[in-house]
C-alpha cells in the first residue's frame, strides 16, 4: 500500500469514526433498576430520572439515594462501553487516531 492509499484509507476511517461517534453522542442509554429509571445521553448528560413512588420512604432516604447512584453509574458504564467498542473497532485498522 503506497502513502496516498494509506492517507485515503485513514481519512475514510476517520470520517466513519467521527460519524459513529456522533451517533453515540445523540443516542440515549436507559437503565431500569429496582424501580429507578435513568436515561443518559451519549454526551454523559442525564436526560431523566424516574423513581417509583413505592420506593420513597421518609425513614430510609438512603435506599433511594443508593439506587439512583447505582442506576446512574450503570448508565455511564453503558456510554463508556459504546465508546470503547468504537475505539476497539477502529484501532484494529492499524492506523493511529
PDB file of N, CA and C in Angstrom:
ATOM      1  N   UNK A   1       0.862  -1.174   0.000  1.00  0.00           N
ATOM      2  CA  UNK A   1       0.000   0.000   0.000  1.00  0.00           C
ATOM      3  C   UNK A   1       0.907   1.235   0.000  1.00  0.00           C
ATOM      4  N   UNK A   2       0.670   2.106  -0.961  1.00  0.00           N
ATOM      5  CA  UNK A   2       1.509   3.306  -1.016  1.00  0.00           C
ATOM      6  C   UNK A   2       0.972   4.383  -0.073  1.00  0.00           C
ATOM      7  N   UNK A   3       1.728   5.448   0.052  1.00  0.00           N
ATOM      8  CA  UNK A   3       1.400   6.506   1.017  1.00  0.00           C
ATOM      9  C   UNK A   3       0.054   7.164   0.701  1.00  0.00           C
ATOM     10  N   UNK A   4      -0.240   7.429  -0.573  1.00  0.00           N
ATOM     11  CA  UNK A   4      -1.518   8.056  -0.938  1.00  0.00           C
ATOM     12  C   UNK A   4      -2.696   7.170  -0.573  1.00  0.00           C
ATOM     13  N   UNK A   5      -2.564   5.866  -0.820  1.00  0.00           N
ATOM     14  CA  UNK A   5      -3.636   4.937  -0.464  1.00  0.00           C
ATOM     15  C   UNK A   5      -3.829   4.897   1.044  1.00  0.00           C
ATOM     16  N   UNK A   6      -2.733   4.911   1.779  1.00  0.00           N
ATOM     17  CA  UNK A   6      -2.825   4.923   3.244  1.00  0.00           C
ATOM     18  C   UNK A   6      -3.517   6.180   3.749  1.00  0.00           C
ATOM     19  N   UNK A   7      -3.187   7.324   3.173  1.00  0.00           N
ATOM     20  CA  UNK A   7      -3.822   8.579   3.582  1.00  0.00           C
ATOM     21  C   UNK A   7      -5.307   8.568   3.268  1.00  0.00           C
ATOM     22  N   UNK A   8      -5.679   8.054   2.095  1.00  0.00           N
ATOM     23  CA  UNK A   8      -7.098   7.965   1.731  1.00  0.00           C
ATOM     24  C   UNK A   8      -7.839   7.050   2.703  1.00  0.00           C
ATOM     25  N   UNK A   9      -7.219   5.913   3.013  1.00  0.00           N
ATOM     26  CA  UNK A   9      -7.845   4.980   3.950  1.00  0.00           C
ATOM     27  C   UNK A   9      -7.987   5.621   5.328  1.00  0.00           C
ATOM     28  N   UNK A  10      -6.957   6.311   5.770  1.00  0.00           N
ATOM     29  CA  UNK A  10      -7.002   6.964   7.080  1.00  0.00           C
ATOM     30  C   UNK A  10      -8.100   8.023   7.125  1.00  0.00           C
ATOM     31  N   UNK A  11      -8.228   8.812   6.069  1.00  0.00           N
ATOM     32  CA  UNK A  11      -9.273   9.848   6.036  1.00  0.00           C
ATOM     33  C   UNK A  11     -10.657   9.227   6.025  1.00  0.00           C
ATOM     34  N   UNK A  12     -10.818   8.139   5.257  1.00  0.00           N
ATOM     35  CA  UNK A  12     -12.115   7.459   5.198  1.00  0.00           C
ATOM     36  C   UNK A  12     -12.468   6.874   6.565  1.00  0.00           C
ATOM     37  N   UNK A  13     -11.507   6.211   7.193  1.00  0.00           N
ATOM     38  CA  UNK A  13     -11.752   5.629   8.509  1.00  0.00           C
ATOM     39  C   UNK A  13     -12.040   6.704   9.553  1.00  0.00           C
ATOM     40  N   UNK A  14     -11.332   7.825   9.480  1.00  0.00           N
ATOM     41  CA  UNK A  14     -11.570   8.921  10.424  1.00  0.00           C
ATOM     42  C   UNK A  14     -12.979   9.479  10.245  1.00  0.00           C
ATOM     43  N   UNK A  15     -13.426   9.621   8.996  1.00  0.00           N
ATOM     44  CA  UNK A  15     -14.781  10.121   8.733  1.00  0.00           C
ATOM     45  C   UNK A  15     -15.824   9.139   9.260  1.00  0.00           C
ATOM     46  N   UNK A  16     -15.596   7.840   9.050  1.00  0.00           N
ATOM     47  CA  UNK A  16     -16.519   6.825   9.564  1.00  0.00           C
ATOM     48  C   UNK A  16     -16.565   6.870  11.089  1.00  0.00           C
ATOM     49  N   UNK A  17     -15.402   6.968  11.704  1.00  0.00           N
ATOM     50  CA  UNK A  17     -15.322   7.009  13.166  1.00  0.00           C
ATOM     51  C   UNK A  17     -16.026   8.249  13.714  1.00  0.00           C
ATOM     52  N   UNK A  18     -15.827   9.391  13.071  1.00  0.00           N
ATOM     53  CA  UNK A  18     -16.495  10.623  13.503  1.00  0.00           C
ATOM     54  C   UNK A  18     -18.011  10.476  13.416  1.00  0.00           C
ATOM     55  N   UNK A  19     -18.497   9.863  12.331  1.00  0.00           N
ATOM     56  CA  UNK A  19     -19.940   9.676  12.156  1.00  0.00           C
ATOM     57  C   UNK A  19     -20.496   8.760  13.241  1.00  0.00           C
ATOM     58  N   UNK A  20     -19.788   7.675  13.534  1.00  0.00           N
ATOM     59  CA  UNK A  20     -20.266   6.753  14.564  1.00  0.00           C
ATOM     60  C   UNK A  20     -20.195   7.384  15.952  1.00  0.00           C
ATOM     61  N   UNK A  21     -19.195   8.222  16.178  1.00  0.00           N
ATOM     62  CA  UNK A  21     -19.101   8.925  17.455  1.00  0.00           C
ATOM     63  C   UNK A  21     -20.289   9.871  17.622  1.00  0.00           C
ATOM     64  N   UNK A  22     -20.687  10.544  16.555  1.00  0.00           N
ATOM     65  CA  UNK A  22     -21.857  11.429  16.621  1.00  0.00           C
ATOM     66  C   UNK A  22     -23.123  10.633  16.901  1.00  0.00           C
ATOM     67  N   UNK A  23     -23.215   9.413  16.326  1.00  0.00           N
ATOM     68  CA  UNK A  23     -24.363   8.548  16.605  1.00  0.00           C
ATOM     69  C   UNK A  23     -24.435   8.230  18.098  1.00  0.00           C
ATOM     70  N   UNK A  24     -23.296   7.920  18.692  1.00  0.00           N
ATOM     71  CA  UNK A  24     -23.268   7.623  20.128  1.00  0.00           C
ATOM     72  C   UNK A  24     -23.671   8.859  20.927  1.00  0.00           C
ATOM     73  N   UNK A  25     -23.192  10.026  20.517  1.00  0.00           N
ATOM     74  CA  UNK A  25     -23.478  11.256  21.253  1.00  0.00           C
ATOM     75  C   UNK A  25     -24.969  11.563  21.305  1.00  0.00           C
ATOM     76  N   UNK A  26     -25.715  11.252  20.240  1.00  0.00           N
ATOM     77  CA  UNK A  26     -27.153  11.564  20.239  1.00  0.00           C
ATOM     78  C   UNK A  26     -27.999  10.401  20.766  1.00  0.00           C
ATOM     79  N   UNK A  27     -27.374   9.246  20.936  1.00  0.00           N
ATOM     80  CA  UNK A  27     -28.089   8.080  21.441  1.00  0.00           C
ATOM     81  C   UNK A  27     -28.429   8.271  22.917  1.00  0.00           C
ATOM     82  N   UNK A  28     -29.547   7.668  23.328  1.00  0.00           N
ATOM     83  CA  UNK A  28     -29.924   7.686  24.740  1.00  0.00           C
ATOM     84  C   UNK A  28     -29.765   6.281  25.309  1.00  0.00           C
ATOM     85  N   UNK A  29     -29.199   6.200  26.495  1.00  0.00           N
ATOM     86  CA  UNK A  29     -28.946   4.936  27.165  1.00  0.00           C
ATOM     87  C   UNK A  29     -29.876   4.850  28.371  1.00  0.00           C
ATOM     88  N   UNK A  30     -30.625   3.756  28.464  1.00  0.00           N
ATOM     89  CA  UNK A  30     -31.619   3.572  29.518  1.00  0.00           C
ATOM     90  C   UNK A  30     -31.175   2.465  30.463  1.00  0.00           C
ATOM     91  N   UNK A  31     -31.310   2.741  31.755  1.00  0.00           N
ATOM     92  CA  UNK A  31     -31.103   1.721  32.787  1.00  0.00           C
ATOM     93  C   UNK A  31     -32.320   1.751  33.693  1.00  0.00           C
ATOM     94  N   UNK A  32     -32.907   0.578  33.904  1.00  0.00           N
ATOM     95  CA  UNK A  32     -34.012   0.438  34.847  1.00  0.00           C
ATOM     96  C   UNK A  32     -33.553  -0.549  35.908  1.00  0.00           C
ATOM     97  N   UNK A  33     -33.574  -0.091  37.143  1.00  0.00           N
ATOM     98  CA  UNK A  33     -33.021  -0.900  38.228  1.00  0.00           C
ATOM     99  C   UNK A  33     -33.876  -0.710  39.477  1.00  0.00           C
ATOM    100  N   UNK A  34     -34.576  -1.757  39.883  1.00  0.00           N
ATOM    101  CA  UNK A  34     -35.329  -1.786  41.138  1.00  0.00           C
ATOM    102  C   UNK A  34     -36.191  -0.545  41.344  1.00  0.00           C
ATOM    103  N   UNK A  35     -36.963  -0.179  40.334  1.00  0.00           N
ATOM    104  CA  UNK A  35     -37.882   0.949  40.470  1.00  0.00           C
ATOM    105  C   UNK A  35     -37.290   2.299  40.120  1.00  0.00           C
ATOM    106  N   UNK A  36     -36.042   2.327  39.699  1.00  0.00           N
ATOM    107  CA  UNK A  36     -35.383   3.566  39.279  1.00  0.00           C
ATOM    108  C   UNK A  36     -35.129   3.463  37.782  1.00  0.00           C
ATOM    109  N   UNK A  37     -35.469   4.513  37.057  1.00  0.00           N
ATOM    110  CA  UNK A  37     -35.225   4.565  35.617  1.00  0.00           C
ATOM    111  C   UNK A  37     -34.360   5.786  35.318  1.00  0.00           C
ATOM    112  N   UNK A  38     -33.234   5.555  34.641  1.00  0.00           N
ATOM    113  CA  UNK A  38     -32.309   6.638  34.304  1.00  0.00           C
ATOM    114  C   UNK A  38     -32.073   6.620  32.799  1.00  0.00           C
ATOM    115  N   UNK A  39     -32.192   7.798  32.183  1.00  0.00           N
ATOM    116  CA  UNK A  39     -31.856   7.960  30.771  1.00  0.00           C
ATOM    117  C   UNK A  39     -30.716   8.965  30.703  1.00  0.00           C
ATOM    118  N   UNK A  40     -29.653   8.571  29.991  1.00  0.00           N
ATOM    119  CA  UNK A  40     -28.476   9.423  29.870  1.00  0.00           C
ATOM    120  C   UNK A  40     -28.079   9.491  28.397  1.00  0.00           C
ATOM    121  N   UNK A  41     -27.592  10.643  27.971  1.00  0.00           N
ATOM    122  CA  UNK A  41     -27.175  10.791  26.573  1.00  0.00           C
ATOM    123  C   UNK A  41     -25.749  10.288  26.391  1.00  0.00           C
ATOM    124  N   UNK A  42     -25.367  10.108  25.144  1.00  0.00           N
ATOM    125  CA  UNK A  42     -24.003   9.710  24.832  1.00  0.00           C
ATOM    126  C   UNK A  42     -22.981  10.770  25.196  1.00  0.00           C
ATOM    127  N   UNK A  43     -23.444  11.959  25.487  1.00  0.00           N
ATOM    128  CA  UNK A  43     -22.565  13.035  25.964  1.00  0.00           C
ATOM    129  C   UNK A  43     -22.452  13.023  27.484  1.00  0.00           C
ATOM    130  N   UNK A  44     -22.983  11.946  28.092  1.00  0.00           N
ATOM    131  CA  UNK A  44     -22.946  11.744  29.546  1.00  0.00           C
ATOM    132  C   UNK A  44     -23.763  12.783  30.314  1.00  0.00           C
ATOM    133  N   UNK A  45     -24.851  13.235  29.712  1.00  0.00           N
ATOM    134  CA  UNK A  45     -25.769  14.167  30.374  1.00  0.00           C
ATOM    135  C   UNK A  45     -27.030  13.401  30.758  1.00  0.00           C
ATOM    136  N   UNK A  46     -27.454  13.553  32.000  1.00  0.00           N
ATOM    137  CA  UNK A  46     -28.666  12.882  32.457  1.00  0.00           C
ATOM    138  C   UNK A  46     -29.866  13.560  31.818  1.00  0.00           C
ATOM    139  N   UNK A  47     -30.693  12.747  31.139  1.00  0.00           N
ATOM    140  CA  UNK A  47     -31.888  13.269  30.477  1.00  0.00           C
ATOM    141  C   UNK A  47     -33.104  13.151  31.396  1.00  0.00           C
ATOM    142  N   UNK A  48     -33.175  12.054  32.158  1.00  0.00           N
ATOM    143  CA  UNK A  48     -34.289  11.904  33.094  1.00  0.00           C
ATOM    144  C   UNK A  48     -33.958  10.859  34.152  1.00  0.00           C
ATOM    145  N   UNK A  49     -34.594  11.053  35.304  1.00  0.00           N
ATOM    146  CA  UNK A  49     -34.555  10.077  36.391  1.00  0.00           C
ATOM    147  C   UNK A  49     -35.987   9.936  36.887  1.00  0.00           C
ATOM    148  N   UNK A  50     -36.473   8.699  36.897  1.00  0.00           N
ATOM    149  CA  UNK A  50     -37.820   8.431  37.405  1.00  0.00           C
ATOM    150  C   UNK A  50     -37.700   7.457  38.568  1.00  0.00           C
ATOM    151  N   UNK A  51     -38.447   7.756  39.624  1.00  0.00           N
ATOM    152  CA  UNK A  51     -38.402   6.940  40.833  1.00  0.00           C
ATOM    153  C   UNK A  51     -39.806   6.438  41.125  1.00  0.00           C
ATOM    154  N   UNK A  52     -39.937   5.141  41.272  1.00  0.00           N
ATOM    155  CA  UNK A  52     -41.211   4.547  41.635  1.00  0.00           C
ATOM    156  C   UNK A  52     -41.586   5.047  43.028  1.00  0.00           C
ATOM    157  N   UNK A  53     -42.795   5.560  43.160  1.00  0.00           N
ATOM    158  CA  UNK A  53     -43.235   6.150  44.436  1.00  0.00           C
ATOM    159  C   UNK A  53     -43.164   5.161  45.594  1.00  0.00           C
ATOM    160  N   UNK A  54     -43.296   3.877  45.303  1.00  0.00           N
ATOM    161  CA  UNK A  54     -43.254   2.867  46.366  1.00  0.00           C
ATOM    162  C   UNK A  54     -41.886   2.815  47.048  1.00  0.00           C
ATOM    163  N   UNK A  55     -40.862   3.313  46.385  1.00  0.00           N
ATOM    164  CA  UNK A  55     -39.514   3.315  46.968  1.00  0.00           C
ATOM    165  C   UNK A  55     -39.291   4.444  47.961  1.00  0.00           C
ATOM    166  N   UNK A  56     -40.129   5.451  47.908  1.00  0.00           N
ATOM    167  CA  UNK A  56     -39.904   6.647  48.721  1.00  0.00           C
ATOM    168  C   UNK A  56     -40.380   6.392  50.154  1.00  0.00           C
ATOM    169  N   UNK A  57     -39.423   6.247  51.032  1.00  0.00           N
ATOM    170  CA  UNK A  57     -39.689   6.015  52.447  1.00  0.00           C
ATOM    171  C   UNK A  57     -38.962   7.106  53.223  1.00  0.00           C
ATOM    172  N   UNK A  58     -39.717   8.017  53.866  1.00  0.00           N
ATOM    173  CA  UNK A  58     -39.066   9.108  54.582  1.00  0.00           C
ATOM    174  C   UNK A  58     -38.114   8.633  55.688  1.00  0.00           C
ATOM    175  N   UNK A  59     -38.319   7.413  56.168  1.00  0.00           N
ATOM    176  CA  UNK A  59     -37.449   6.882  57.217  1.00  0.00           C
ATOM    177  C   UNK A  59     -36.169   6.251  56.657  1.00  0.00           C
ATOM    178  N   UNK A  60     -36.107   6.078  55.330  1.00  0.00           N
ATOM    179  CA  UNK A  60     -34.932   5.439  54.724  1.00  0.00           C
ATOM    180  C   UNK A  60     -34.570   6.111  53.392  1.00  0.00           C
ATOM    181  N   UNK A  61     -34.192   7.401  53.436  1.00  0.00           N
ATOM    182  CA  UNK A  61     -33.855   8.088  52.184  1.00  0.00           C
ATOM    183  C   UNK A  61     -32.586   7.530  51.527  1.00  0.00           C
ATOM    184  N   UNK A  62     -31.744   6.876  52.316  1.00  0.00           N
ATOM    185  CA  UNK A  62     -30.504   6.326  51.761  1.00  0.00           C
ATOM    186  C   UNK A  62     -30.771   5.251  50.714  1.00  0.00           C
ATOM    187  N   UNK A  63     -31.870   4.514  50.856  1.00  0.00           N
ATOM    188  CA  UNK A  63     -32.201   3.471  49.886  1.00  0.00           C
ATOM    189  C   UNK A  63     -32.369   4.073  48.495  1.00  0.00           C
ATOM    190  N   UNK A  64     -33.176   5.115  48.397  1.00  0.00           N
ATOM    191  CA  UNK A  64     -33.405   5.760  47.098  1.00  0.00           C
ATOM    192  C   UNK A  64     -32.106   6.376  46.588  1.00  0.00           C
ATOM    193  N   UNK A  65     -31.366   7.012  47.459  1.00  0.00           N
ATOM    194  CA  UNK A  65     -30.091   7.616  47.047  1.00  0.00           C
ATOM    195  C   UNK A  65     -29.151   6.560  46.471  1.00  0.00           C
ATOM    196  N   UNK A  66     -29.054   5.423  47.141  1.00  0.00           N
ATOM    197  CA  UNK A  66     -28.175   4.346  46.675  1.00  0.00           C
ATOM    198  C   UNK A  66     -28.638   3.788  45.333  1.00  0.00           C
ATOM    199  N   UNK A  67     -29.947   3.584  45.188  1.00  0.00           N
ATOM    200  CA  UNK A  67     -30.465   3.038  43.935  1.00  0.00           C
ATOM    201  C   UNK A  67     -30.257   4.005  42.771  1.00  0.00           C
ATOM    202  N   UNK A  68     -30.456   5.294  43.021  1.00  0.00           N
ATOM    203  CA  UNK A  68     -30.222   6.298  41.969  1.00  0.00           C
ATOM    204  C   UNK A  68     -28.748   6.294  41.577  1.00  0.00           C
ATOM    205  N   UNK A  69     -27.880   6.259  42.564  1.00  0.00           N
ATOM    206  CA  UNK A  69     -26.445   6.248  42.280  1.00  0.00           C
ATOM    207  C   UNK A  69     -26.061   5.013  41.457  1.00  0.00           C
ATOM    208  N   UNK A  70     -26.575   3.849  41.820  1.00  0.00           N
ATOM    209  CA  UNK A  70     -26.275   2.626  41.076  1.00  0.00           C
ATOM    210  C   UNK A  70     -26.764   2.715  39.635  1.00  0.00           C
ATOM    211  N   UNK A  71     -27.977   3.211  39.453  1.00  0.00           N
ATOM    212  CA  UNK A  71     -28.542   3.305  38.107  1.00  0.00           C
ATOM    213  C   UNK A  71     -27.775   4.307  37.247  1.00  0.00           C
ATOM    214  N   UNK A  72     -27.426   5.449  37.814  1.00  0.00           N
ATOM    215  CA  UNK A  72     -26.663   6.461  37.066  1.00  0.00           C
ATOM    216  C   UNK A  72     -25.290   5.902  36.689  1.00  0.00           C
ATOM    217  N   UNK A  73     -24.628   5.252  37.629  1.00  0.00           N
ATOM    218  CA  UNK A  73     -23.310   4.685  37.332  1.00  0.00           C
ATOM    219  C   UNK A  73     -23.388   3.614  36.248  1.00  0.00           C
ATOM    220  N   UNK A  74     -24.428   2.796  36.278  1.00  0.00           N
ATOM    221  CA  UNK A  74     -24.585   1.771  35.247  1.00  0.00           C
ATOM    222  C   UNK A  74     -24.849   2.407  33.880  1.00  0.00           C
ATOM    223  N   UNK A  75     -25.637   3.471  33.859  1.00  0.00           N
ATOM    224  CA  UNK A  75     -25.893   4.172  32.598  1.00  0.00           C
ATOM    225  C   UNK A  75     -24.599   4.771  32.045  1.00  0.00           C
ATOM    226  N   UNK A  76     -23.786   5.353  32.913  1.00  0.00           N
ATOM    227  CA  UNK A  76     -22.492   5.897  32.477  1.00  0.00           C
ATOM    228  C   UNK A  76     -21.582   4.794  31.938  1.00  0.00           C
ATOM    229  N   UNK A  77     -21.632   3.626  32.557  1.00  0.00           N
ATOM    230  CA  UNK A  77     -20.836   2.496  32.074  1.00  0.00           C
ATOM    231  C   UNK A  77     -21.272   2.084  30.673  1.00  0.00           C
ATOM    232  N   UNK A  78     -22.584   2.143  30.398  1.00  0.00           N
ATOM    233  CA  UNK A  78     -23.078   1.810  29.058  1.00  0.00           C
ATOM    234  C   UNK A  78     -22.516   2.775  28.016  1.00  0.00           C
ATOM    235  N   UNK A  79     -22.481   4.051  28.350  1.00  0.00           N
ATOM    236  CA  UNK A  79     -21.918   5.050  27.431  1.00  0.00           C
ATOM    237  C   UNK A  79     -20.434   4.757  27.211  1.00  0.00           C
ATOM    238  N   UNK A  80     -19.710   4.505  28.299  1.00  0.00           N
ATOM    239  CA  UNK A  80     -18.278   4.212  28.188  1.00  0.00           C
ATOM    240  C   UNK A  80     -18.026   2.966  27.335  1.00  0.00           C
ATOM    241  N   UNK A  81     -18.875   1.944  27.489  1.00  0.00           N
ATOM    242  CA  UNK A  81     -18.734   0.727  26.692  1.00  0.00           C
ATOM    243  C   UNK A  81     -18.940   1.014  25.210  1.00  0.00           C
ATOM    244  N   UNK A  82     -19.911   1.870  24.889  1.00  0.00           N
ATOM    245  CA  UNK A  82     -20.163   2.213  23.484  1.00  0.00           C
ATOM    246  C   UNK A  82     -18.944   2.891  22.873  1.00  0.00           C
ATOM    247  N   UNK A  83     -18.344   3.813  23.607  1.00  0.00           N
ATOM    248  CA  UNK A  83     -17.138   4.485  23.105  1.00  0.00           C
ATOM    249  C   UNK A  83     -15.963   3.509  23.014  1.00  0.00           C
ATOM    250  N   UNK A  84     -15.840   2.621  23.975  1.00  0.00           N
ATOM    251  CA  UNK A  84     -14.752   1.648  23.975  1.00  0.00           C
ATOM    252  C   UNK A  84     -14.867   0.702  22.781  1.00  0.00           C
ATOM    253  N   UNK A  85     -16.093   0.250  22.486  1.00  0.00           N
ATOM    254  CA  UNK A  85     -16.312  -0.615  21.327  1.00  0.00           C
ATOM    255  C   UNK A  85     -15.936   0.109  20.040  1.00  0.00           C
ATOM    256  N   UNK A  86     -16.283   1.381  19.952  1.00  0.00           N
ATOM    257  CA  UNK A  86     -15.940   2.171  18.773  1.00  0.00           C
ATOM    258  C   UNK A  86     -14.424   2.275  18.628  1.00  0.00           C
ATOM    259  N   UNK A  87     -13.747   2.577  19.712  1.00  0.00           N
ATOM    260  CA  UNK A  87     -12.285   2.688  19.672  1.00  0.00           C
ATOM    261  C   UNK A  87     -11.640   1.359  19.292  1.00  0.00           C
ATOM    262  N   UNK A  88     -12.147   0.253  19.852  1.00  0.00           N
ATOM    263  CA  UNK A  88     -11.598  -1.064  19.530  1.00  0.00           C
ATOM    264  C   UNK A  88     -11.777  -1.388  18.055  1.00  0.00           C
ATOM    265  N   UNK A  89     -12.943  -1.037  17.527  1.00  0.00           N
ATOM    266  CA  UNK A  89     -13.243  -1.316  16.127  1.00  0.00           C
ATOM    267  C   UNK A  89     -12.247  -0.621  15.204  1.00  0.00           C
ATOM    268  N   UNK A  90     -11.918   0.615  15.512  1.00  0.00           N
ATOM    269  CA  UNK A  90     -11.053   1.378  14.623  1.00  0.00           C
ATOM    270  C   UNK A  90      -9.572   1.235  14.958  1.00  0.00           C
ATOM    271  N   UNK A  91      -9.245   0.844  16.162  1.00  0.00           N
ATOM    272  CA  UNK A  91      -7.825   0.640  16.472  1.00  0.00           C
ATOM    273  C   UNK A  91      -7.304  -0.615  15.780  1.00  0.00           C
ATOM    274  N   UNK A  92      -8.204  -1.522  15.429  1.00  0.00           N
ATOM    275  CA  UNK A  92      -7.807  -2.730  14.709  1.00  0.00           C
ATOM    276  C   UNK A  92      -7.386  -2.426  13.270  1.00  0.00           C
ATOM    277  N   UNK A  93      -7.663  -1.218  12.796  1.00  0.00           N
ATOM    278  CA  UNK A  93      -7.303  -0.844  11.421  1.00  0.00           C
ATOM    279  C   UNK A  93      -5.799  -0.694  11.252  1.00  0.00           C
ATOM    280  N   UNK A  94      -5.093  -0.552  12.360  1.00  0.00           N
ATOM    281  CA  UNK A  94      -3.650  -0.381  12.291  1.00  0.00           C
ATOM    282  C   UNK A  94      -3.215   1.045  12.048  1.00  0.00           C
ATOM    283  N   UNK A  95      -4.176   1.952  11.959  1.00  0.00           N
ATOM    284  CA  UNK A  95      -3.853   3.360  11.745  1.00  0.00           C
ATOM    285  C   UNK A  95      -4.033   4.114  13.052  1.00  0.00           C
ATOM    286  N   UNK A  96      -3.131   5.000  13.392  1.00  0.00           N
ATOM    287  CA  UNK A  96      -3.258   5.753  14.647  1.00  0.00           C
ATOM    288  C   UNK A  96      -4.319   6.842  14.528  1.00  0.00           C
ATOM    289  N   UNK A  97      -5.162   6.953  15.573  1.00  0.00           N
ATOM    290  CA  UNK A  97      -6.176   8.021  15.623  1.00  0.00           C
ATOM    291  C   UNK A  97      -6.089   8.723  16.940  1.00  0.00           C
TER     292      UNK A  97
END
